[in-house]
């Protein structure tokens, strides 16, 4: 809430959009999930962004870690691993 109050809605929204772009580019993500109470204050979402509860983001991160472990062991086959 501090950033929102300090910057105002317009600048705060611009910063959120910029951070999402950096995250998507740096992590090569197809989409970013935003969670938390302040997401309700966003009137527009950047492309490739979903709003969800924090628990969904935690579950998704856990699935990524689990999938990476399975790939190391060779016990998980996904569509991208076949070729």
C-alpha atoms as a PDB file:
ATOM      1  CA  UNK A   1       0.000   0.000   0.000  1.00  0.00           C
ATOM      2  CA  UNK A   2       2.925   2.347   0.639  1.00  0.00           C
ATOM      3  CA  UNK A   3       3.946   2.504  -3.014  1.00  0.00           C
ATOM      4  CA  UNK A   4       0.378   3.031  -4.132  1.00  0.00           C
ATOM      5  CA  UNK A   5      -0.129   5.902  -1.688  1.00  0.00           C
ATOM      6  CA  UNK A   6       3.290   7.433  -2.350  1.00  0.00           C
ATOM      7  CA  UNK A   7       3.167   7.212  -6.146  1.00  0.00           C
ATOM      8  CA  UNK A   8      -0.535   7.453  -6.867  1.00  0.00           C
ATOM      9  CA  UNK A   9      -2.544   5.050  -8.999  1.00  0.00           C
ATOM     10  CA  UNK A  10      -1.137   6.056 -12.396  1.00  0.00           C
ATOM     11  CA  UNK A  11       2.585   5.817 -11.539  1.00  0.00           C
ATOM     12  CA  UNK A  12       2.068   2.733  -9.365  1.00  0.00           C
ATOM     13  CA  UNK A  13       0.266   0.969 -12.214  1.00  0.00           C
ATOM     14  CA  UNK A  14       3.060   1.905 -14.616  1.00  0.00           C
ATOM     15  CA  UNK A  15       5.634   0.442 -12.211  1.00  0.00           C
ATOM     16  CA  UNK A  16       3.638  -2.782 -11.877  1.00  0.00           C
ATOM     17  CA  UNK A  17       3.505  -3.088 -15.674  1.00  0.00           C
ATOM     18  CA  UNK A  18       7.266  -2.505 -15.932  1.00  0.00           C
ATOM     19  CA  UNK A  19       8.071  -5.103 -13.271  1.00  0.00           C
ATOM     20  CA  UNK A  20       5.835  -7.655 -14.991  1.00  0.00           C
ATOM     21  CA  UNK A  21       7.669  -7.032 -18.281  1.00  0.00           C
ATOM     22  CA  UNK A  22      11.019  -7.567 -16.567  1.00  0.00           C
ATOM     23  CA  UNK A  23       9.802 -10.758 -14.884  1.00  0.00           C
ATOM     24  CA  UNK A  24       8.388 -12.181 -18.092  1.00  0.00           C
ATOM     25  CA  UNK A  25      11.554 -11.402 -20.018  1.00  0.00           C
ATOM     26  CA  UNK A  26      13.982 -12.553 -17.351  1.00  0.00           C
ATOM     27  CA  UNK A  27      12.157 -15.753 -16.519  1.00  0.00           C
ATOM     28  CA  UNK A  28      10.938 -16.359 -20.076  1.00  0.00           C
ATOM     29  CA  UNK A  29       7.446 -16.833 -18.656  1.00  0.00           C
ATOM     30  CA  UNK A  30       4.379 -17.289 -20.803  1.00  0.00           C
ATOM     31  CA  UNK A  31       2.358 -15.476 -18.186  1.00  0.00           C
ATOM     32  CA  UNK A  32       2.717 -13.974 -14.709  1.00  0.00           C
ATOM     33  CA  UNK A  33       0.290 -14.514 -11.852  1.00  0.00           C
ATOM     34  CA  UNK A  34      -0.197 -11.557  -9.532  1.00  0.00           C
ATOM     35  CA  UNK A  35      -1.744 -12.021  -6.132  1.00  0.00           C
ATOM     36  CA  UNK A  36      -2.438 -10.018  -3.043  1.00  0.00           C
ATOM     37  CA  UNK A  37      -4.814  -7.302  -2.023  1.00  0.00           C
ATOM     38  CA  UNK A  38      -3.307  -4.526  -4.111  1.00  0.00           C
ATOM     39  CA  UNK A  39      -4.044  -6.304  -7.386  1.00  0.00           C
ATOM     40  CA  UNK A  40      -7.646  -5.177  -6.998  1.00  0.00           C
ATOM     41  CA  UNK A  41      -6.431  -1.626  -7.520  1.00  0.00           C
ATOM     42  CA  UNK A  42      -5.189  -2.374 -11.050  1.00  0.00           C
ATOM     43  CA  UNK A  43      -7.692  -1.150 -13.618  1.00  0.00           C
ATOM     44  CA  UNK A  44      -5.749  -2.639 -16.532  1.00  0.00           C
ATOM     45  CA  UNK A  45      -3.523  -5.687 -16.655  1.00  0.00           C
ATOM     46  CA  UNK A  46      -0.398  -6.038 -18.746  1.00  0.00           C
ATOM     47  CA  UNK A  47      -0.583  -8.670 -21.487  1.00  0.00           C
ATOM     48  CA  UNK A  48       0.061 -12.170 -20.169  1.00  0.00           C
ATOM     49  CA  UNK A  49      -0.982 -11.428 -16.591  1.00  0.00           C
ATOM     50  CA  UNK A  50      -3.529 -13.225 -14.467  1.00  0.00           C
ATOM     51  CA  UNK A  51      -4.775 -12.260 -11.047  1.00  0.00           C
ATOM     52  CA  UNK A  52      -5.217 -15.036  -8.549  1.00  0.00           C
ATOM     53  CA  UNK A  53      -4.910 -15.826  -4.877  1.00  0.00           C
ATOM     54  CA  UNK A  54      -1.404 -16.077  -3.476  1.00  0.00           C
ATOM     55  CA  UNK A  55      -1.958 -19.781  -2.799  1.00  0.00           C
ATOM     56  CA  UNK A  56      -2.338 -20.425  -6.538  1.00  0.00           C
ATOM     57  CA  UNK A  57       1.023 -18.795  -7.215  1.00  0.00           C
ATOM     58  CA  UNK A  58       2.611 -20.912  -4.492  1.00  0.00           C
ATOM     59  CA  UNK A  59       1.109 -24.087  -5.941  1.00  0.00           C
ATOM     60  CA  UNK A  60       2.299 -23.168  -9.426  1.00  0.00           C
ATOM     61  CA  UNK A  61       5.829 -22.541  -8.183  1.00  0.00           C
ATOM     62  CA  UNK A  62       5.782 -25.859  -6.392  1.00  0.00           C
ATOM     63  CA  UNK A  63       4.734 -27.624  -9.608  1.00  0.00           C
ATOM     64  CA  UNK A  64       7.648 -26.019 -11.425  1.00  0.00           C
ATOM     65  CA  UNK A  65      10.109 -27.274  -8.829  1.00  0.00           C
ATOM     66  CA  UNK A  66       8.541 -30.736  -8.834  1.00  0.00           C
ATOM     67  CA  UNK A  67       8.651 -30.909 -12.637  1.00  0.00           C
ATOM     68  CA  UNK A  68      12.320 -29.885 -12.646  1.00  0.00           C
ATOM     69  CA  UNK A  69      13.124 -32.682 -10.202  1.00  0.00           C
ATOM     70  CA  UNK A  70      11.284 -35.216 -12.350  1.00  0.00           C
ATOM     71  CA  UNK A  71      13.148 -34.042 -15.453  1.00  0.00           C
ATOM     72  CA  UNK A  72      16.483 -34.543 -13.675  1.00  0.00           C
ATOM     73  CA  UNK A  73      15.438 -38.064 -12.749  1.00  0.00           C
ATOM     74  CA  UNK A  74      13.954 -38.760 -16.187  1.00  0.00           C
ATOM     75  CA  UNK A  75      10.622 -39.754 -14.667  1.00  0.00           C
ATOM     76  CA  UNK A  76       8.425 -37.089 -16.239  1.00  0.00           C
ATOM     77  CA  UNK A  77       7.593 -36.791 -19.911  1.00  0.00           C
ATOM     78  CA  UNK A  78       5.918 -33.619 -21.083  1.00  0.00           C
ATOM     79  CA  UNK A  79       5.075 -32.436 -24.557  1.00  0.00           C
ATOM     80  CA  UNK A  80       8.279 -30.409 -24.843  1.00  0.00           C
ATOM     81  CA  UNK A  81      10.468 -33.283 -23.581  1.00  0.00           C
ATOM     82  CA  UNK A  82       9.438 -35.738 -26.291  1.00  0.00           C
ATOM     83  CA  UNK A  83      11.398 -34.197 -29.159  1.00  0.00           C
END
